[in-house]
Amino acid sequence: MFGWVHERIQKHRGSGVFVDSNLLLLWVVGRCDPQAIARFKRTRQFDADDFRVLHEFLGRFRQRFASSHVLTEVSNFLGQFAEPLRTDVFRQLRTELLWTEERTISARDAADDSAFESFGLTDAAICRICGEQLLLLTDDLRLARYAETRSISTLNFHHLRSLRGS
């Protein structure tokens, strides 16, 4: 494993990891039906191996975090599934909510963040919530680079993908 990846895991193992929308979506869909990952337009950039990497990675942390903004996005995307899988993914999301601590910031406060005009509401809220305490896990390279400039400890999921088989 890249040394800096291991260092970030060690630093945040106790405090937790904040999971961005696309990866939380991958997590929920993969927990429900790994074959659906490749069939769903919102997760088809991933595969079952990516889900396994995410599963192993998240297992290294005591706590997972998401914002109300991220959870709303994930719920809206899951609503695009057809039945009967739609009911199954919502049940899985309900289960995940038991294990995910929700952090809330008002839209007004997120809009006051310097990230708002470039990234929008959800990502501005993520930057405010993560601060220096939480590791941000995202697949959004642009957000990852920006977060790093703000001293937010960040890990781009594509780096974890590249470690498969290492």
Foldseek 3Di string as FASTA:
>chain_A
DPPVVVVQLVQQQELEAEEAQLVVLQQLCLVQPQVCQCVQPSRVVDHNVLNVLSVVSRVSHPAYEYEPVSLVVSLVSLCPDDPPVSVSSVVSSVVVVVRYHYDYDDQVVLCPAPCPVVPNRRLSVVLVVQQQRHEYEEQDPVSQVVSVVNVRHYDHSVVSVVPVPD
